[in-house]
Amino acid sequence: MVTQHLVDFGPLAIGGVFAVIGLLSVGPLALVILVVANRAEPDPRGMRPFTVYLFGMAFVTLMLAYAGLTTIVTALLSFIGPHAEPIADGVARSVVIGLLLVVIAGGTMHYHVGKGLAAARGDGRVDGPNARVLHTYIAAVSFIFVVLAMVALAVAVYLLFQLIGPGIFGLVGGDRTATLRMLFDLVYVLVASGFVVSYHWRQSPAGLMRPAAAAATPPPEV
């Protein structure tokens, strides 16, 4: 019974961490976007408030989709190692909840990011009022997920030391299987965070976050 409760609660708790981070970040993110993007420059199309909404919603739904995917991965990793009782039902419930978050939040994020990119690129220049909102959104997402990847990498390396020398460094819960399970979870966090950052960097104009690519581009002929 205790094992079943852990299977039910563990993935939801880990996924819920990212959901809470996303919700708590709404206010600070919106403030950052408004302060950085809302300069005295004119906004002829009057799109800036709507663009702020689009990328603010994109951020929240990104975190919710990430929480759903994390819930699924963590639930499936619960199968690693022996169990005193069946856990398939608990894993199935967690996977369904995670899939709901991925499909609903992921679909909403895809729609809002697409609309936001269209609004930003409609400025016709990289320093336009709506493009500035896009740049701020990319920077905020990159900051959060790079920090997340750094923390995950540090903890993963320490877990490797635990597996190599359990007598010196101990083990998570005193169990090698639990340590290995957490290590796989952190590898997923590293890969997923890298994908999120890479995807968002590809949305930025060359020269903003890829200066090497911009430097390699020959200047236009006069």
N, C-alpha and C. Protein backbone atom coordinates (compact mmCIF):
# COMPACT_ATOMS: atom_id res chain seq x y z
N MET A 1 0.83 -1.21 0.00
CA MET A 1 0.00 0.00 0.00
C MET A 1 0.86 1.25 0.00
N VAL A 2 1.93 1.25 0.79
CA VAL A 2 2.82 2.41 0.82
C VAL A 2 3.46 2.63 -0.54
N THR A 3 3.90 1.53 -1.19
CA THR A 3 4.50 1.65 -2.51
C THR A 3 3.53 2.24 -3.51
N GLN A 4 2.27 1.81 -3.45
CA GLN A 4 1.26 2.32 -4.38
C GLN A 4 1.04 3.80 -4.18
N HIS A 5 1.00 4.25 -2.93
CA HIS A 5 0.82 5.68 -2.66
C HIS A 5 2.01 6.48 -3.20
N LEU A 6 3.22 5.94 -3.07
CA LEU A 6 4.40 6.64 -3.58
C LEU A 6 4.34 6.75 -5.09
N VAL A 7 3.90 5.69 -5.77
CA VAL A 7 3.79 5.72 -7.23
C VAL A 7 2.74 6.73 -7.66
N ASP A 8 1.63 6.81 -6.92
CA ASP A 8 0.58 7.77 -7.24
C ASP A 8 1.05 9.20 -7.00
N PHE A 9 1.72 9.44 -5.89
CA PHE A 9 2.04 10.80 -5.48
C PHE A 9 3.35 11.31 -6.06
N GLY A 10 4.35 10.42 -6.18
CA GLY A 10 5.68 10.87 -6.61
C GLY A 10 5.70 11.60 -7.94
N PRO A 11 5.21 10.99 -9.04
CA PRO A 11 5.23 11.69 -10.32
C PRO A 11 4.41 12.97 -10.30
N LEU A 12 3.26 12.94 -9.61
CA LEU A 12 2.43 14.14 -9.55
C LEU A 12 3.13 15.25 -8.80
N ALA A 13 3.86 14.88 -7.73
CA ALA A 13 4.58 15.90 -6.96
C ALA A 13 5.68 16.53 -7.80
N ILE A 14 6.44 15.71 -8.52
CA ILE A 14 7.53 16.23 -9.33
C ILE A 14 6.98 17.08 -10.47
N GLY A 15 5.95 16.58 -11.14
CA GLY A 15 5.34 17.37 -12.20
C GLY A 15 4.72 18.64 -11.66
N GLY A 16 4.13 18.54 -10.46
CA GLY A 16 3.51 19.72 -9.86
C GLY A 16 4.50 20.81 -9.54
N VAL A 17 5.75 20.44 -9.27
CA VAL A 17 6.78 21.45 -9.00
C VAL A 17 6.90 22.40 -10.18
N PHE A 18 6.93 21.85 -11.39
CA PHE A 18 7.08 22.69 -12.58
C PHE A 18 5.81 23.50 -12.83
N ALA A 19 4.65 22.92 -12.54
CA ALA A 19 3.40 23.66 -12.70
C ALA A 19 3.38 24.86 -11.76
N VAL A 20 3.79 24.65 -10.51
CA VAL A 20 3.81 25.75 -9.54
C VAL A 20 4.83 26.81 -9.96
N ILE A 21 5.99 26.37 -10.45
CA ILE A 21 7.00 27.33 -10.93
C ILE A 21 6.42 28.18 -12.04
N GLY A 22 5.70 27.54 -12.97
CA GLY A 22 5.11 28.29 -14.07
C GLY A 22 4.08 29.30 -13.61
N LEU A 23 3.23 28.88 -12.69
CA LEU A 23 2.19 29.78 -12.21
C LEU A 23 2.77 30.92 -11.39
N LEU A 24 3.75 30.63 -10.54
CA LEU A 24 4.36 31.67 -9.72
C LEU A 24 5.20 32.64 -10.55
N SER A 25 5.62 32.18 -11.73
CA SER A 25 6.46 33.03 -12.57
C SER A 25 5.65 33.95 -13.47
N VAL A 26 4.34 33.79 -13.49
CA VAL A 26 3.51 34.60 -14.37
C VAL A 26 3.69 36.08 -14.07
N GLY A 27 3.55 36.46 -12.79
CA GLY A 27 3.67 37.86 -12.42
C GLY A 27 5.03 38.44 -12.73
N PRO A 28 6.13 37.83 -12.23
CA PRO A 28 7.46 38.36 -12.55
C PRO A 28 7.75 38.40 -14.04
N LEU A 29 7.33 37.35 -14.78
CA LEU A 29 7.61 37.33 -16.20
C LEU A 29 6.88 38.46 -16.91
N ALA A 30 5.60 38.63 -16.60
CA ALA A 30 4.84 39.71 -17.23
C ALA A 30 5.46 41.07 -16.91
N LEU A 31 5.93 41.24 -15.65
CA LEU A 31 6.56 42.50 -15.27
C LEU A 31 7.84 42.73 -16.06
N VAL A 32 8.65 41.67 -16.19
CA VAL A 32 9.91 41.79 -16.94
C VAL A 32 9.62 42.15 -18.39
N ILE A 33 8.65 41.46 -18.99
CA ILE A 33 8.31 41.72 -20.39
C ILE A 33 7.84 43.16 -20.57
N LEU A 34 6.99 43.61 -19.65
CA LEU A 34 6.46 44.97 -19.76
C LEU A 34 7.57 46.02 -19.59
N VAL A 35 8.44 45.81 -18.60
CA VAL A 35 9.49 46.80 -18.33
C VAL A 35 10.49 46.85 -19.47
N VAL A 36 10.91 45.65 -19.96
CA VAL A 36 11.93 45.62 -21.00
C VAL A 36 11.34 46.01 -22.36
N ALA A 37 10.13 45.53 -22.63
CA ALA A 37 9.56 45.75 -23.96
C ALA A 37 8.88 47.10 -24.11
N ASN A 38 8.32 47.61 -23.03
CA ASN A 38 7.48 48.80 -23.14
C ASN A 38 8.31 50.07 -23.00
N ARG A 39 9.14 50.34 -23.98
CA ARG A 39 9.90 51.58 -23.98
C ARG A 39 9.08 52.66 -24.67
N ALA A 40 9.69 53.81 -24.82
CA ALA A 40 8.97 54.93 -25.41
C ALA A 40 8.84 54.82 -26.92
N GLU A 41 9.37 53.76 -27.50
CA GLU A 41 9.31 53.63 -28.95
C GLU A 41 7.86 53.45 -29.41
N PRO A 42 7.51 53.97 -30.58
CA PRO A 42 6.13 53.87 -31.07
C PRO A 42 5.77 52.44 -31.45
N ASP A 43 4.51 52.15 -31.37
CA ASP A 43 3.97 50.84 -31.76
C ASP A 43 2.85 51.10 -32.76
N PRO A 44 3.19 51.34 -34.03
CA PRO A 44 2.20 51.77 -35.01
C PRO A 44 1.02 50.80 -35.16
N ARG A 45 1.28 49.52 -35.03
CA ARG A 45 0.20 48.54 -35.22
C ARG A 45 -0.62 48.33 -33.96
N GLY A 46 -0.14 48.83 -32.83
CA GLY A 46 -0.88 48.66 -31.58
C GLY A 46 -0.98 47.22 -31.11
N MET A 47 0.03 46.41 -31.45
CA MET A 47 -0.01 44.97 -31.16
C MET A 47 0.67 44.61 -29.85
N ARG A 48 1.43 45.53 -29.26
CA ARG A 48 2.30 45.16 -28.14
C ARG A 48 1.54 44.55 -26.96
N PRO A 49 0.41 45.11 -26.49
CA PRO A 49 -0.29 44.47 -25.36
C PRO A 49 -0.72 43.04 -25.67
N PHE A 50 -1.19 42.81 -26.90
CA PHE A 50 -1.62 41.47 -27.29
C PHE A 50 -0.42 40.53 -27.38
N THR A 51 0.72 41.04 -27.86
CA THR A 51 1.94 40.23 -27.94
C THR A 51 2.43 39.83 -26.56
N VAL A 52 2.33 40.76 -25.60
CA VAL A 52 2.69 40.43 -24.22
C VAL A 52 1.81 39.31 -23.69
N TYR A 53 0.51 39.37 -23.99
CA TYR A 53 -0.39 38.30 -23.57
C TYR A 53 0.01 36.97 -24.22
N LEU A 54 0.31 36.99 -25.53
CA LEU A 54 0.64 35.76 -26.24
C LEU A 54 1.85 35.07 -25.64
N PHE A 55 2.92 35.83 -25.40
CA PHE A 55 4.14 35.20 -24.89
C PHE A 55 4.03 34.90 -23.40
N GLY A 56 3.24 35.67 -22.67
CA GLY A 56 2.99 35.33 -21.27
C GLY A 56 2.26 34.01 -21.15
N MET A 57 1.22 33.83 -21.98
CA MET A 57 0.48 32.56 -22.00
C MET A 57 1.36 31.43 -22.50
N ALA A 58 2.22 31.72 -23.48
CA ALA A 58 3.13 30.69 -24.00
C ALA A 58 4.04 30.18 -22.89
N PHE A 59 4.51 31.10 -22.03
CA PHE A 59 5.39 30.69 -20.94
C PHE A 59 4.67 29.78 -19.95
N VAL A 60 3.47 30.18 -19.55
CA VAL A 60 2.71 29.39 -18.57
C VAL A 60 2.41 28.00 -19.13
N THR A 61 1.93 27.93 -20.36
CA THR A 61 1.59 26.63 -20.94
C THR A 61 2.83 25.79 -21.21
N LEU A 62 3.96 26.45 -21.49
CA LEU A 62 5.22 25.70 -21.63
C LEU A 62 5.56 24.97 -20.34
N MET A 63 5.46 25.67 -19.22
CA MET A 63 5.77 25.06 -17.93
C MET A 63 4.77 23.94 -17.59
N LEU A 64 3.51 24.14 -17.93
CA LEU A 64 2.51 23.10 -17.67
C LEU A 64 2.76 21.87 -18.54
N ALA A 65 3.09 22.08 -19.81
CA ALA A 65 3.40 20.95 -20.68
C ALA A 65 4.65 20.22 -20.20
N TYR A 66 5.63 20.98 -19.76
CA TYR A 66 6.86 20.38 -19.20
C TYR A 66 6.53 19.58 -17.95
N ALA A 67 5.63 20.11 -17.14
CA ALA A 67 5.21 19.37 -15.94
C ALA A 67 4.53 18.07 -16.31
N GLY A 68 3.68 18.11 -17.35
CA GLY A 68 3.01 16.88 -17.78
C GLY A 68 3.98 15.84 -18.29
N LEU A 69 4.95 16.27 -19.11
CA LEU A 69 5.93 15.33 -19.63
C LEU A 69 6.80 14.76 -18.52
N THR A 70 7.14 15.61 -17.55
CA THR A 70 7.93 15.14 -16.40
C THR A 70 7.15 14.12 -15.59
N THR A 71 5.85 14.35 -15.44
CA THR A 71 5.00 13.39 -14.73
C THR A 71 5.01 12.03 -15.42
N ILE A 72 4.93 12.04 -16.75
CA ILE A 72 4.93 10.78 -17.51
C ILE A 72 6.25 10.04 -17.34
N VAL A 73 7.36 10.77 -17.54
CA VAL A 73 8.68 10.14 -17.45
C VAL A 73 8.93 9.58 -16.06
N THR A 74 8.62 10.38 -15.04
CA THR A 74 8.85 9.93 -13.67
C THR A 74 7.99 8.71 -13.33
N ALA A 75 6.75 8.70 -13.83
CA ALA A 75 5.88 7.56 -13.58
C ALA A 75 6.42 6.29 -14.23
N LEU A 76 6.87 6.41 -15.48
CA LEU A 76 7.41 5.23 -16.17
C LEU A 76 8.69 4.73 -15.53
N LEU A 77 9.50 5.66 -15.00
CA LEU A 77 10.73 5.25 -14.33
C LEU A 77 10.45 4.50 -13.03
N SER A 78 9.21 4.59 -12.53
CA SER A 78 8.85 3.86 -11.31
C SER A 78 8.93 2.36 -11.51
N PHE A 79 8.90 1.91 -12.76
CA PHE A 79 8.97 0.47 -13.03
C PHE A 79 10.36 -0.09 -12.78
N ILE A 80 11.36 0.77 -12.68
CA ILE A 80 12.73 0.30 -12.45
C ILE A 80 12.84 -0.29 -11.04
N GLY A 81 13.34 -1.48 -10.96
CA GLY A 81 13.54 -2.12 -9.66
C GLY A 81 12.34 -2.95 -9.24
N PRO A 82 12.55 -3.82 -8.27
CA PRO A 82 11.46 -4.67 -7.77
C PRO A 82 10.48 -3.88 -6.90
N HIS A 83 9.25 -4.39 -6.84
CA HIS A 83 8.21 -3.75 -6.02
C HIS A 83 7.47 -4.83 -5.24
N ALA A 84 7.09 -4.49 -4.03
CA ALA A 84 6.41 -5.46 -3.18
C ALA A 84 4.99 -5.73 -3.65
N GLU A 85 4.43 -4.82 -4.45
CA GLU A 85 3.06 -4.98 -4.94
C GLU A 85 2.96 -4.35 -6.32
N PRO A 86 1.92 -4.70 -7.09
CA PRO A 86 1.78 -4.14 -8.45
C PRO A 86 1.63 -2.62 -8.41
N ILE A 87 2.26 -1.96 -9.38
CA ILE A 87 2.19 -0.50 -9.44
C ILE A 87 1.62 -0.02 -10.78
N ALA A 88 1.21 -0.95 -11.62
CA ALA A 88 0.79 -0.58 -12.98
C ALA A 88 -0.38 0.40 -12.96
N ASP A 89 -1.36 0.20 -12.07
CA ASP A 89 -2.53 1.08 -12.03
C ASP A 89 -2.13 2.51 -11.66
N GLY A 90 -1.27 2.65 -10.67
CA GLY A 90 -0.83 3.98 -10.26
C GLY A 90 -0.05 4.67 -11.36
N VAL A 91 0.82 3.91 -12.05
CA VAL A 91 1.58 4.48 -13.16
C VAL A 91 0.64 4.92 -14.28
N ALA A 92 -0.36 4.10 -14.57
CA ALA A 92 -1.31 4.44 -15.63
C ALA A 92 -2.05 5.73 -15.31
N ARG A 93 -2.46 5.91 -14.05
CA ARG A 93 -3.16 7.14 -13.68
C ARG A 93 -2.26 8.36 -13.86
N SER A 94 -1.00 8.23 -13.44
CA SER A 94 -0.07 9.36 -13.58
C SER A 94 0.21 9.68 -15.05
N VAL A 95 0.33 8.63 -15.86
CA VAL A 95 0.59 8.85 -17.29
C VAL A 95 -0.59 9.55 -17.96
N VAL A 96 -1.80 9.17 -17.61
CA VAL A 96 -2.98 9.82 -18.19
C VAL A 96 -3.03 11.30 -17.81
N ILE A 97 -2.77 11.59 -16.53
CA ILE A 97 -2.76 13.00 -16.09
C ILE A 97 -1.67 13.78 -16.84
N GLY A 98 -0.50 13.17 -16.97
CA GLY A 98 0.57 13.83 -17.69
C GLY A 98 0.23 14.06 -19.15
N LEU A 99 -0.40 13.08 -19.80
CA LEU A 99 -0.80 13.22 -21.19
C LEU A 99 -1.81 14.35 -21.37
N LEU A 100 -2.75 14.46 -20.42
CA LEU A 100 -3.72 15.56 -20.51
C LEU A 100 -3.02 16.91 -20.48
N LEU A 101 -2.04 17.05 -19.59
CA LEU A 101 -1.30 18.31 -19.51
C LEU A 101 -0.50 18.56 -20.79
N VAL A 102 0.16 17.52 -21.30
CA VAL A 102 0.97 17.69 -22.50
C VAL A 102 0.11 18.09 -23.70
N VAL A 103 -1.02 17.40 -23.87
CA VAL A 103 -1.86 17.66 -25.04
C VAL A 103 -2.54 19.03 -24.94
N ILE A 104 -3.16 19.32 -23.79
CA ILE A 104 -3.91 20.57 -23.66
C ILE A 104 -2.96 21.77 -23.58
N ALA A 105 -2.00 21.71 -22.64
CA ALA A 105 -1.08 22.84 -22.48
C ALA A 105 -0.15 22.95 -23.69
N GLY A 106 0.30 21.81 -24.22
CA GLY A 106 1.19 21.86 -25.38
C GLY A 106 0.51 22.44 -26.61
N GLY A 107 -0.74 22.05 -26.83
CA GLY A 107 -1.48 22.61 -27.96
C GLY A 107 -1.71 24.10 -27.80
N THR A 108 -2.06 24.51 -26.57
CA THR A 108 -2.26 25.94 -26.31
C THR A 108 -0.97 26.73 -26.50
N MET A 109 0.14 26.16 -26.03
CA MET A 109 1.44 26.82 -26.20
C MET A 109 1.79 26.97 -27.68
N HIS A 110 1.59 25.91 -28.45
CA HIS A 110 1.91 25.94 -29.87
C HIS A 110 1.13 27.05 -30.58
N TYR A 111 -0.13 27.18 -30.25
CA TYR A 111 -0.97 28.22 -30.87
C TYR A 111 -0.48 29.61 -30.51
N HIS A 112 -0.22 29.84 -29.22
CA HIS A 112 0.18 31.17 -28.77
C HIS A 112 1.58 31.55 -29.25
N VAL A 113 2.50 30.58 -29.28
CA VAL A 113 3.83 30.87 -29.80
C VAL A 113 3.76 31.24 -31.28
N GLY A 114 2.95 30.50 -32.02
CA GLY A 114 2.80 30.80 -33.45
C GLY A 114 2.26 32.19 -33.69
N LYS A 115 1.21 32.55 -32.95
CA LYS A 115 0.64 33.90 -33.08
C LYS A 115 1.64 34.97 -32.63
N GLY A 116 2.38 34.69 -31.55
CA GLY A 116 3.36 35.64 -31.05
C GLY A 116 4.49 35.87 -32.04
N LEU A 117 4.97 34.78 -32.66
CA LEU A 117 6.03 34.92 -33.65
C LEU A 117 5.55 35.73 -34.85
N ALA A 118 4.30 35.49 -35.26
CA ALA A 118 3.76 36.25 -36.38
C ALA A 118 3.68 37.74 -36.05
N ALA A 119 3.27 38.05 -34.81
CA ALA A 119 3.18 39.46 -34.39
C ALA A 119 4.55 40.09 -34.33
N ALA A 120 5.54 39.36 -33.82
CA ALA A 120 6.89 39.91 -33.70
C ALA A 120 7.53 40.12 -35.06
N ARG A 121 7.37 39.15 -35.95
CA ARG A 121 7.98 39.27 -37.26
C ARG A 121 7.26 40.28 -38.13
N GLY A 122 6.03 40.62 -37.76
CA GLY A 122 5.30 41.64 -38.51
C GLY A 122 5.91 43.02 -38.37
N ASP A 123 6.78 43.22 -37.38
CA ASP A 123 7.45 44.51 -37.24
C ASP A 123 8.40 44.78 -38.41
N GLY A 124 8.91 43.71 -39.00
CA GLY A 124 9.82 43.87 -40.12
C GLY A 124 11.24 44.23 -39.72
N ARG A 125 11.55 44.25 -38.43
CA ARG A 125 12.90 44.55 -37.96
C ARG A 125 13.11 43.88 -36.61
N VAL A 126 14.37 43.60 -36.26
CA VAL A 126 14.66 42.85 -35.05
C VAL A 126 14.50 43.68 -33.78
N ASP A 127 14.47 45.00 -33.91
CA ASP A 127 14.33 45.85 -32.73
C ASP A 127 12.97 46.52 -32.64
N GLY A 128 11.97 45.94 -33.32
CA GLY A 128 10.62 46.49 -33.26
C GLY A 128 9.99 46.27 -31.89
N PRO A 129 8.88 46.94 -31.59
CA PRO A 129 8.25 46.82 -30.27
C PRO A 129 7.77 45.42 -29.95
N ASN A 130 7.24 44.71 -30.92
CA ASN A 130 6.76 43.35 -30.68
C ASN A 130 7.90 42.34 -30.73
N ALA A 131 8.89 42.62 -31.58
CA ALA A 131 10.07 41.75 -31.60
C ALA A 131 10.80 41.81 -30.27
N ARG A 132 10.77 42.97 -29.62
CA ARG A 132 11.42 43.11 -28.32
C ARG A 132 10.74 42.22 -27.28
N VAL A 133 9.44 42.08 -27.36
CA VAL A 133 8.71 41.17 -26.45
C VAL A 133 9.15 39.74 -26.70
N LEU A 134 9.28 39.36 -27.97
CA LEU A 134 9.77 38.02 -28.31
C LEU A 134 11.16 37.77 -27.73
N HIS A 135 12.05 38.75 -27.88
CA HIS A 135 13.41 38.58 -27.37
C HIS A 135 13.40 38.40 -25.85
N THR A 136 12.56 39.16 -25.16
CA THR A 136 12.49 39.06 -23.71
C THR A 136 11.93 37.70 -23.28
N TYR A 137 10.94 37.22 -24.00
CA TYR A 137 10.37 35.89 -23.72
C TYR A 137 11.42 34.81 -23.89
N ILE A 138 12.18 34.86 -24.99
CA ILE A 138 13.22 33.87 -25.24
C ILE A 138 14.28 33.92 -24.14
N ALA A 139 14.66 35.13 -23.74
CA ALA A 139 15.68 35.26 -22.70
C ALA A 139 15.18 34.70 -21.36
N ALA A 140 13.90 34.96 -21.01
CA ALA A 140 13.35 34.47 -19.75
C ALA A 140 13.29 32.95 -19.72
N VAL A 141 12.80 32.35 -20.82
CA VAL A 141 12.73 30.89 -20.90
C VAL A 141 14.13 30.29 -20.85
N SER A 142 15.05 30.88 -21.58
CA SER A 142 16.42 30.36 -21.62
C SER A 142 17.05 30.41 -20.23
N PHE A 143 16.85 31.52 -19.53
CA PHE A 143 17.43 31.66 -18.20
C PHE A 143 16.94 30.56 -17.27
N ILE A 144 15.64 30.33 -17.24
CA ILE A 144 15.06 29.34 -16.33
C ILE A 144 15.56 27.93 -16.66
N PHE A 145 15.55 27.56 -17.94
CA PHE A 145 15.89 26.19 -18.29
C PHE A 145 17.39 25.93 -18.29
N VAL A 146 18.20 26.95 -18.52
CA VAL A 146 19.64 26.76 -18.38
C VAL A 146 20.01 26.55 -16.91
N VAL A 147 19.40 27.34 -16.03
CA VAL A 147 19.63 27.14 -14.59
C VAL A 147 19.16 25.75 -14.17
N LEU A 148 17.99 25.34 -14.67
CA LEU A 148 17.47 24.01 -14.35
C LEU A 148 18.42 22.93 -14.82
N ALA A 149 18.97 23.08 -16.02
CA ALA A 149 19.91 22.09 -16.55
C ALA A 149 21.20 22.05 -15.73
N MET A 150 21.68 23.22 -15.30
CA MET A 150 22.90 23.27 -14.49
C MET A 150 22.70 22.54 -13.16
N VAL A 151 21.56 22.79 -12.51
CA VAL A 151 21.29 22.12 -11.23
C VAL A 151 21.16 20.62 -11.44
N ALA A 152 20.44 20.22 -12.50
CA ALA A 152 20.27 18.79 -12.78
C ALA A 152 21.60 18.12 -13.05
N LEU A 153 22.49 18.80 -13.79
CA LEU A 153 23.80 18.23 -14.08
C LEU A 153 24.62 18.05 -12.81
N ALA A 154 24.59 19.04 -11.94
CA ALA A 154 25.37 18.95 -10.70
C ALA A 154 24.87 17.80 -9.84
N VAL A 155 23.55 17.68 -9.70
CA VAL A 155 23.00 16.60 -8.88
C VAL A 155 23.26 15.24 -9.53
N ALA A 156 23.16 15.17 -10.86
CA ALA A 156 23.41 13.91 -11.56
C ALA A 156 24.85 13.43 -11.35
N VAL A 157 25.80 14.36 -11.41
CA VAL A 157 27.21 13.99 -11.19
C VAL A 157 27.39 13.47 -9.76
N TYR A 158 26.75 14.12 -8.80
CA TYR A 158 26.87 13.65 -7.42
C TYR A 158 26.24 12.26 -7.26
N LEU A 159 25.13 12.01 -7.96
CA LEU A 159 24.53 10.68 -7.89
C LEU A 159 25.45 9.63 -8.48
N LEU A 160 26.20 10.00 -9.51
CA LEU A 160 27.18 9.07 -10.06
C LEU A 160 28.24 8.71 -9.01
N PHE A 161 28.68 9.71 -8.26
CA PHE A 161 29.61 9.44 -7.17
C PHE A 161 28.98 8.51 -6.14
N GLN A 162 27.69 8.69 -5.87
CA GLN A 162 27.01 7.80 -4.91
C GLN A 162 27.00 6.36 -5.41
N LEU A 163 26.73 6.19 -6.71
CA LEU A 163 26.70 4.83 -7.26
C LEU A 163 28.08 4.20 -7.27
N ILE A 164 29.12 5.01 -7.52
CA ILE A 164 30.48 4.48 -7.56
C ILE A 164 31.00 4.18 -6.16
N GLY A 165 30.73 5.09 -5.22
CA GLY A 165 31.23 4.91 -3.86
C GLY A 165 30.15 5.08 -2.83
N PRO A 166 29.20 4.15 -2.74
CA PRO A 166 28.09 4.29 -1.80
C PRO A 166 28.56 4.34 -0.34
N GLY A 167 29.68 3.71 -0.06
CA GLY A 167 30.17 3.73 1.31
C GLY A 167 30.62 5.11 1.75
N ILE A 168 31.03 5.95 0.80
CA ILE A 168 31.51 7.30 1.11
C ILE A 168 30.38 8.33 0.98
N PHE A 169 29.65 8.25 -0.14
CA PHE A 169 28.65 9.28 -0.46
C PHE A 169 27.23 8.88 -0.08
N GLY A 170 27.01 7.62 0.28
CA GLY A 170 25.67 7.18 0.61
C GLY A 170 24.85 6.95 -0.65
N LEU A 171 23.58 6.64 -0.46
CA LEU A 171 22.64 6.43 -1.55
C LEU A 171 21.31 7.10 -1.23
N VAL A 172 20.56 7.44 -2.26
CA VAL A 172 19.24 8.04 -2.05
C VAL A 172 18.34 7.03 -1.36
N GLY A 173 17.92 7.33 -0.15
CA GLY A 173 17.09 6.41 0.60
C GLY A 173 17.81 5.12 0.95
N GLY A 174 19.16 5.14 0.84
CA GLY A 174 19.92 3.93 1.13
C GLY A 174 19.73 2.84 0.11
N ASP A 175 19.23 3.18 -1.08
CA ASP A 175 18.87 2.18 -2.08
C ASP A 175 19.53 2.54 -3.40
N ARG A 176 20.28 1.60 -3.99
CA ARG A 176 20.93 1.83 -5.27
C ARG A 176 19.91 2.00 -6.39
N THR A 177 18.81 1.27 -6.34
CA THR A 177 17.78 1.38 -7.36
C THR A 177 17.13 2.76 -7.37
N ALA A 178 16.83 3.29 -6.18
CA ALA A 178 16.24 4.62 -6.09
C ALA A 178 17.21 5.68 -6.61
N THR A 179 18.48 5.50 -6.33
CA THR A 179 19.49 6.44 -6.83
C THR A 179 19.56 6.40 -8.35
N LEU A 180 19.55 5.20 -8.91
CA LEU A 180 19.59 5.05 -10.36
C LEU A 180 18.35 5.66 -11.00
N ARG A 181 17.20 5.45 -10.38
CA ARG A 181 15.95 6.01 -10.91
C ARG A 181 16.01 7.54 -10.94
N MET A 182 16.52 8.13 -9.87
CA MET A 182 16.63 9.59 -9.83
C MET A 182 17.64 10.08 -10.85
N LEU A 183 18.70 9.32 -11.06
CA LEU A 183 19.71 9.71 -12.05
C LEU A 183 19.09 9.75 -13.45
N PHE A 184 18.30 8.76 -13.79
CA PHE A 184 17.62 8.76 -15.09
C PHE A 184 16.67 9.95 -15.21
N ASP A 185 15.99 10.28 -14.10
CA ASP A 185 15.10 11.44 -14.10
C ASP A 185 15.87 12.72 -14.42
N LEU A 186 17.05 12.85 -13.84
CA LEU A 186 17.85 14.04 -14.07
C LEU A 186 18.41 14.09 -15.49
N VAL A 187 18.73 12.93 -16.05
CA VAL A 187 19.17 12.89 -17.45
C VAL A 187 18.05 13.38 -18.35
N TYR A 188 16.82 12.96 -18.04
CA TYR A 188 15.67 13.48 -18.81
C TYR A 188 15.56 14.99 -18.69
N VAL A 189 15.72 15.53 -17.48
CA VAL A 189 15.64 16.97 -17.27
C VAL A 189 16.70 17.68 -18.11
N LEU A 190 17.90 17.14 -18.15
CA LEU A 190 18.98 17.73 -18.96
C LEU A 190 18.61 17.76 -20.44
N VAL A 191 18.15 16.63 -20.95
CA VAL A 191 17.81 16.54 -22.37
C VAL A 191 16.63 17.44 -22.70
N ALA A 192 15.58 17.39 -21.88
CA ALA A 192 14.39 18.20 -22.15
C ALA A 192 14.71 19.68 -22.05
N SER A 193 15.49 20.08 -21.06
CA SER A 193 15.85 21.49 -20.91
C SER A 193 16.67 21.97 -22.10
N GLY A 194 17.61 21.14 -22.54
CA GLY A 194 18.40 21.49 -23.71
C GLY A 194 17.55 21.65 -24.95
N PHE A 195 16.55 20.79 -25.10
CA PHE A 195 15.66 20.89 -26.26
C PHE A 195 14.84 22.18 -26.20
N VAL A 196 14.33 22.52 -25.02
CA VAL A 196 13.53 23.74 -24.88
C VAL A 196 14.36 24.96 -25.23
N VAL A 197 15.58 25.04 -24.69
CA VAL A 197 16.44 26.19 -24.97
C VAL A 197 16.80 26.24 -26.45
N SER A 198 17.14 25.10 -27.03
CA SER A 198 17.52 25.06 -28.44
C SER A 198 16.36 25.50 -29.33
N TYR A 199 15.16 25.04 -29.02
CA TYR A 199 13.98 25.42 -29.82
C TYR A 199 13.76 26.93 -29.77
N HIS A 200 13.84 27.49 -28.59
CA HIS A 200 13.59 28.93 -28.46
C HIS A 200 14.69 29.76 -29.09
N TRP A 201 15.92 29.31 -29.01
CA TRP A 201 17.01 30.05 -29.66
C TRP A 201 16.84 30.07 -31.16
N ARG A 202 16.26 28.99 -31.71
CA ARG A 202 16.05 28.96 -33.17
C ARG A 202 15.00 29.97 -33.61
N GLN A 203 14.18 30.44 -32.68
CA GLN A 203 13.16 31.44 -33.02
C GLN A 203 13.72 32.86 -33.02
N SER A 204 14.92 33.05 -32.51
CA SER A 204 15.51 34.38 -32.45
C SER A 204 16.20 34.70 -33.77
N PRO A 205 16.24 35.97 -34.15
CA PRO A 205 16.92 36.34 -35.39
C PRO A 205 18.42 36.11 -35.28
N ALA A 206 19.05 35.75 -36.38
CA ALA A 206 20.50 35.56 -36.39
C ALA A 206 21.18 36.85 -35.94
N GLY A 207 22.14 36.69 -35.04
CA GLY A 207 22.85 37.85 -34.54
C GLY A 207 22.44 38.21 -33.13
N LEU A 208 21.21 37.84 -32.71
CA LEU A 208 20.77 38.15 -31.35
C LEU A 208 21.36 37.14 -30.38
N MET A 209 21.18 35.85 -30.66
CA MET A 209 21.74 34.82 -29.80
C MET A 209 22.68 33.90 -30.56
N ARG A 210 22.91 34.19 -31.82
CA ARG A 210 23.84 33.40 -32.61
C ARG A 210 24.79 34.35 -33.34
N PRO A 211 25.61 35.09 -32.58
CA PRO A 211 26.47 36.09 -33.20
C PRO A 211 27.46 35.51 -34.20
N ALA A 212 27.89 34.27 -33.95
CA ALA A 212 28.85 33.65 -34.88
C ALA A 212 28.23 33.49 -36.25
N ALA A 213 26.95 33.08 -36.28
CA ALA A 213 26.27 32.90 -37.56
C ALA A 213 26.11 34.23 -38.27
N ALA A 214 25.81 35.27 -37.50
CA ALA A 214 25.63 36.58 -38.10
C ALA A 214 26.95 37.11 -38.64
N ALA A 215 28.06 36.86 -37.92
CA ALA A 215 29.36 37.34 -38.36
C ALA A 215 29.80 36.65 -39.64
N ALA A 216 29.35 35.39 -39.80
CA ALA A 216 29.74 34.65 -41.01
C ALA A 216 28.93 35.07 -42.22
N THR A 217 27.84 35.81 -42.04
CA THR A 217 27.01 36.24 -43.13
C THR A 217 27.61 37.47 -43.79
N PRO A 218 27.90 37.42 -45.09
CA PRO A 218 28.53 38.59 -45.74
C PRO A 218 27.57 39.76 -45.79
N PRO A 219 28.07 40.98 -45.68
CA PRO A 219 27.20 42.15 -45.74
C PRO A 219 26.61 42.31 -47.12
N PRO A 220 25.44 42.91 -47.23
CA PRO A 220 24.81 43.08 -48.54
C PRO A 220 25.62 44.03 -49.40
N GLU A 221 25.61 43.76 -50.70
CA GLU A 221 26.33 44.62 -51.62
C GLU A 221 25.59 45.92 -51.84
N VAL A 222 26.32 46.99 -51.94
CA VAL A 222 25.74 48.31 -52.17
C VAL A 222 25.65 48.58 -53.66
